[in-house]
């Protein structure tokens, strides 16, 4: 069962259980996936990889919004964003720990033969492709920068 079908099933379960926040998050996921699925570029088909990219974008949006609400002393809105974030993250693959990420980036640095910060572009290109879905770009960038310096 692909991510789109799983979300559709979970919407039904959330409706029956009357889980309002979960239902809102699932509906927003389905909306984003449906828009991507019906776009001209997708030709009516949506891969799990494309779905994961969309979910990662949604997680980043929720995290950023929660941070803004927190700085503006709006804990009620921040809490709702964080609850939705948890629902969305459940559909993403297990994320790498800091140690796992560092090991993966070290292997990629060796693979491309990077020696200095000037080689960051080469490393980021490979790392972004290999680690897509299991960690975010910011974490990859920070780790690459730290290891090349």
C-alpha atoms as a PDB file:
ATOM      1  CA  UNK A   1       0.000   0.000   0.000  1.00  0.00           C
ATOM      2  CA  UNK A   2       1.514   3.341  -1.005  1.00  0.00           C
ATOM      3  CA  UNK A   3       1.551   6.433   1.178  1.00  0.00           C
ATOM      4  CA  UNK A   4      -1.475   8.034  -0.516  1.00  0.00           C
ATOM      5  CA  UNK A   5      -3.657   4.959   0.092  1.00  0.00           C
ATOM      6  CA  UNK A   6      -2.397   4.643   3.673  1.00  0.00           C
ATOM      7  CA  UNK A   7      -3.309   8.276   4.394  1.00  0.00           C
ATOM      8  CA  UNK A   8      -6.786   7.732   2.929  1.00  0.00           C
ATOM      9  CA  UNK A   9      -7.325   4.711   5.196  1.00  0.00           C
ATOM     10  CA  UNK A  10      -6.040   6.601   8.229  1.00  0.00           C
ATOM     11  CA  UNK A  11      -8.431   9.476   7.516  1.00  0.00           C
ATOM     12  CA  UNK A  12     -11.340   7.059   7.866  1.00  0.00           C
ATOM     13  CA  UNK A  13      -9.937   5.715  11.142  1.00  0.00           C
ATOM     14  CA  UNK A  14      -9.366   9.227  12.515  1.00  0.00           C
ATOM     15  CA  UNK A  15     -12.927  10.209  11.601  1.00  0.00           C
ATOM     16  CA  UNK A  16     -14.338   7.210  13.437  1.00  0.00           C
ATOM     17  CA  UNK A  17     -12.127   7.869  16.466  1.00  0.00           C
ATOM     18  CA  UNK A  18     -12.998  11.592  16.360  1.00  0.00           C
ATOM     19  CA  UNK A  19      -9.317  12.583  16.502  1.00  0.00           C
ATOM     20  CA  UNK A  20      -9.589  16.194  15.334  1.00  0.00           C
ATOM     21  CA  UNK A  21      -5.906  17.196  15.144  1.00  0.00           C
ATOM     22  CA  UNK A  22      -4.894  13.948  13.466  1.00  0.00           C
ATOM     23  CA  UNK A  23      -7.739  14.303  10.988  1.00  0.00           C
ATOM     24  CA  UNK A  24      -6.693  17.872  10.119  1.00  0.00           C
ATOM     25  CA  UNK A  25      -3.098  16.776   9.565  1.00  0.00           C
ATOM     26  CA  UNK A  26      -4.122  13.784   7.451  1.00  0.00           C
ATOM     27  CA  UNK A  27      -6.418  15.912   5.315  1.00  0.00           C
ATOM     28  CA  UNK A  28      -3.628  18.394   4.678  1.00  0.00           C
ATOM     29  CA  UNK A  29      -1.313  15.512   3.702  1.00  0.00           C
ATOM     30  CA  UNK A  30      -3.919  14.116   1.324  1.00  0.00           C
ATOM     31  CA  UNK A  31      -4.479  17.559  -0.202  1.00  0.00           C
ATOM     32  CA  UNK A  32      -0.770  18.036  -0.912  1.00  0.00           C
ATOM     33  CA  UNK A  33      -0.395  14.519  -2.314  1.00  0.00           C
ATOM     34  CA  UNK A  34      -3.501  14.875  -4.459  1.00  0.00           C
ATOM     35  CA  UNK A  35      -2.251  18.176  -5.897  1.00  0.00           C
ATOM     36  CA  UNK A  36       1.083  16.553  -6.745  1.00  0.00           C
ATOM     37  CA  UNK A  37      -0.642  13.501  -8.199  1.00  0.00           C
ATOM     38  CA  UNK A  38      -2.850  15.554 -10.500  1.00  0.00           C
ATOM     39  CA  UNK A  39      -0.137  17.945 -11.676  1.00  0.00           C
ATOM     40  CA  UNK A  40       0.869  17.832 -15.326  1.00  0.00           C
ATOM     41  CA  UNK A  41       4.378  16.635 -14.472  1.00  0.00           C
ATOM     42  CA  UNK A  42       3.121  13.595 -12.500  1.00  0.00           C
ATOM     43  CA  UNK A  43       0.842  12.238 -15.254  1.00  0.00           C
ATOM     44  CA  UNK A  44      -1.582  10.930 -12.618  1.00  0.00           C
ATOM     45  CA  UNK A  45       1.054   8.880 -10.820  1.00  0.00           C
ATOM     46  CA  UNK A  46       2.815   9.646  -7.545  1.00  0.00           C
ATOM     47  CA  UNK A  47       5.789   7.609  -6.367  1.00  0.00           C
ATOM     48  CA  UNK A  48       6.560   7.052  -2.704  1.00  0.00           C
ATOM     49  CA  UNK A  49       9.815   8.999  -3.195  1.00  0.00           C
ATOM     50  CA  UNK A  50       7.848  12.032  -4.399  1.00  0.00           C
ATOM     51  CA  UNK A  51       5.428  11.592  -1.508  1.00  0.00           C
ATOM     52  CA  UNK A  52       8.301  11.521   0.984  1.00  0.00           C
ATOM     53  CA  UNK A  53       9.697  14.746  -0.477  1.00  0.00           C
ATOM     54  CA  UNK A  54       6.304  16.394  -0.036  1.00  0.00           C
ATOM     55  CA  UNK A  55       6.008  15.100   3.529  1.00  0.00           C
ATOM     56  CA  UNK A  56       9.481  16.406   4.382  1.00  0.00           C
ATOM     57  CA  UNK A  57       8.469  19.833   3.093  1.00  0.00           C
ATOM     58  CA  UNK A  58       5.341  19.715   5.248  1.00  0.00           C
ATOM     59  CA  UNK A  59       7.386  18.731   8.320  1.00  0.00           C
ATOM     60  CA  UNK A  60       9.733  21.661   7.749  1.00  0.00           C
ATOM     61  CA  UNK A  61       6.780  24.040   7.379  1.00  0.00           C
ATOM     62  CA  UNK A  62       5.211  22.808  10.633  1.00  0.00           C
ATOM     63  CA  UNK A  63       8.520  23.026  12.494  1.00  0.00           C
ATOM     64  CA  UNK A  64       9.143  26.580  11.238  1.00  0.00           C
ATOM     65  CA  UNK A  65       5.596  27.652  12.101  1.00  0.00           C
ATOM     66  CA  UNK A  66       5.843  26.204  15.610  1.00  0.00           C
ATOM     67  CA  UNK A  67       9.112  28.057  16.132  1.00  0.00           C
ATOM     68  CA  UNK A  68       7.550  31.342  15.023  1.00  0.00           C
ATOM     69  CA  UNK A  69       4.504  30.829  17.242  1.00  0.00           C
ATOM     70  CA  UNK A  70       6.753  30.047  20.191  1.00  0.00           C
ATOM     71  CA  UNK A  71       8.779  33.234  19.722  1.00  0.00           C
ATOM     72  CA  UNK A  72       5.541  35.222  19.467  1.00  0.00           C
ATOM     73  CA  UNK A  73       4.253  33.768  22.760  1.00  0.00           C
ATOM     74  CA  UNK A  74       1.470  31.727  21.115  1.00  0.00           C
ATOM     75  CA  UNK A  75       1.937  28.286  22.716  1.00  0.00           C
ATOM     76  CA  UNK A  76      -1.585  27.200  21.733  1.00  0.00           C
ATOM     77  CA  UNK A  77      -0.826  27.534  18.014  1.00  0.00           C
ATOM     78  CA  UNK A  78       2.685  26.105  18.414  1.00  0.00           C
ATOM     79  CA  UNK A  79       1.266  23.035  20.162  1.00  0.00           C
ATOM     80  CA  UNK A  80      -1.194  22.391  17.309  1.00  0.00           C
ATOM     81  CA  UNK A  81       1.623  22.648  14.751  1.00  0.00           C
ATOM     82  CA  UNK A  82       3.779  20.226  16.750  1.00  0.00           C
ATOM     83  CA  UNK A  83       0.912  17.735  17.046  1.00  0.00           C
ATOM     84  CA  UNK A  84       0.375  17.855  13.269  1.00  0.00           C
ATOM     85  CA  UNK A  85       4.145  17.512  12.796  1.00  0.00           C
ATOM     86  CA  UNK A  86       4.104  14.259  14.781  1.00  0.00           C
ATOM     87  CA  UNK A  87       1.307  12.870  12.596  1.00  0.00           C
ATOM     88  CA  UNK A  88       3.156  13.764   9.374  1.00  0.00           C
ATOM     89  CA  UNK A  89       6.470  12.343  10.617  1.00  0.00           C
ATOM     90  CA  UNK A  90       4.788   8.970  11.173  1.00  0.00           C
ATOM     91  CA  UNK A  91       4.667   8.540   7.364  1.00  0.00           C
ATOM     92  CA  UNK A  92       8.361   9.259   6.860  1.00  0.00           C
ATOM     93  CA  UNK A  93      11.043   6.581   6.996  1.00  0.00           C
ATOM     94  CA  UNK A  94      13.093   6.306  10.186  1.00  0.00           C
ATOM     95  CA  UNK A  95      15.434   9.291  10.360  1.00  0.00           C
ATOM     96  CA  UNK A  96      19.183   8.871  10.799  1.00  0.00           C
ATOM     97  CA  UNK A  97      20.746   9.631  14.152  1.00  0.00           C
ATOM     98  CA  UNK A  98      23.597  12.152  14.308  1.00  0.00           C
ATOM     99  CA  UNK A  99      26.145   9.329  14.512  1.00  0.00           C
ATOM    100  CA  UNK A 100      24.646   7.453  11.559  1.00  0.00           C
ATOM    101  CA  UNK A 101      24.547  10.661   9.518  1.00  0.00           C
ATOM    102  CA  UNK A 102      28.174  11.429  10.304  1.00  0.00           C
ATOM    103  CA  UNK A 103      29.250   7.910   9.291  1.00  0.00           C
ATOM    104  CA  UNK A 104      27.312   8.136   6.029  1.00  0.00           C
ATOM    105  CA  UNK A 105      28.774  11.561   5.202  1.00  0.00           C
ATOM    106  CA  UNK A 106      32.323  10.354   5.986  1.00  0.00           C
ATOM    107  CA  UNK A 107      31.812   7.464   3.550  1.00  0.00           C
ATOM    108  CA  UNK A 108      30.546   9.865   0.872  1.00  0.00           C
ATOM    109  CA  UNK A 109      33.513  12.219   1.431  1.00  0.00           C
ATOM    110  CA  UNK A 110      35.887   9.279   0.913  1.00  0.00           C
ATOM    111  CA  UNK A 111      33.921   8.109  -2.120  1.00  0.00           C
ATOM    112  CA  UNK A 112      34.154  11.470  -3.938  1.00  0.00           C
ATOM    113  CA  UNK A 113      37.693  12.158  -2.704  1.00  0.00           C
ATOM    114  CA  UNK A 114      36.874  15.499  -1.060  1.00  0.00           C
ATOM    115  CA  UNK A 115      39.736  17.128   0.798  1.00  0.00           C
ATOM    116  CA  UNK A 116      38.707  20.704   1.620  1.00  0.00           C
ATOM    117  CA  UNK A 117      35.647  22.959   2.054  1.00  0.00           C
ATOM    118  CA  UNK A 118      35.989  23.794  -1.651  1.00  0.00           C
ATOM    119  CA  UNK A 119      34.730  20.269  -2.408  1.00  0.00           C
ATOM    120  CA  UNK A 120      31.501  20.790  -0.471  1.00  0.00           C
ATOM    121  CA  UNK A 121      29.402  21.015  -3.652  1.00  0.00           C
ATOM    122  CA  UNK A 122      30.563  17.586  -4.855  1.00  0.00           C
ATOM    123  CA  UNK A 123      29.824  16.005  -1.481  1.00  0.00           C
ATOM    124  CA  UNK A 124      26.431  17.719  -1.094  1.00  0.00           C
ATOM    125  CA  UNK A 125      25.292  16.552  -4.529  1.00  0.00           C
ATOM    126  CA  UNK A 126      25.962  12.908  -3.737  1.00  0.00           C
ATOM    127  CA  UNK A 127      24.843  13.135  -0.091  1.00  0.00           C
ATOM    128  CA  UNK A 128      21.549  14.821  -0.950  1.00  0.00           C
ATOM    129  CA  UNK A 129      20.665  12.023  -3.351  1.00  0.00           C
ATOM    130  CA  UNK A 130      21.807   9.141  -1.145  1.00  0.00           C
ATOM    131  CA  UNK A 131      20.324  10.459   2.098  1.00  0.00           C
ATOM    132  CA  UNK A 132      17.061  11.832   0.714  1.00  0.00           C
ATOM    133  CA  UNK A 133      14.153  10.844   2.907  1.00  0.00           C
ATOM    134  CA  UNK A 134      16.210   9.746   5.902  1.00  0.00           C
ATOM    135  CA  UNK A 135      17.464  13.155   7.013  1.00  0.00           C
ATOM    136  CA  UNK A 136      16.965  16.803   6.127  1.00  0.00           C
ATOM    137  CA  UNK A 137      19.197  18.917   3.924  1.00  0.00           C
ATOM    138  CA  UNK A 138      20.191  21.280   6.707  1.00  0.00           C
ATOM    139  CA  UNK A 139      21.584  18.443   8.828  1.00  0.00           C
ATOM    140  CA  UNK A 140      23.498  17.083   5.832  1.00  0.00           C
ATOM    141  CA  UNK A 141      24.942  20.514   5.061  1.00  0.00           C
ATOM    142  CA  UNK A 142      26.041  21.165   8.636  1.00  0.00           C
ATOM    143  CA  UNK A 143      27.675  17.737   8.906  1.00  0.00           C
ATOM    144  CA  UNK A 144      29.495  18.075   5.574  1.00  0.00           C
ATOM    145  CA  UNK A 145      30.717  21.554   6.508  1.00  0.00           C
ATOM    146  CA  UNK A 146      31.969  20.369   9.899  1.00  0.00           C
ATOM    147  CA  UNK A 147      33.759  17.322   8.496  1.00  0.00           C
ATOM    148  CA  UNK A 148      35.452  19.207   5.635  1.00  0.00           C
ATOM    149  CA  UNK A 149      36.821  21.956   7.900  1.00  0.00           C
END
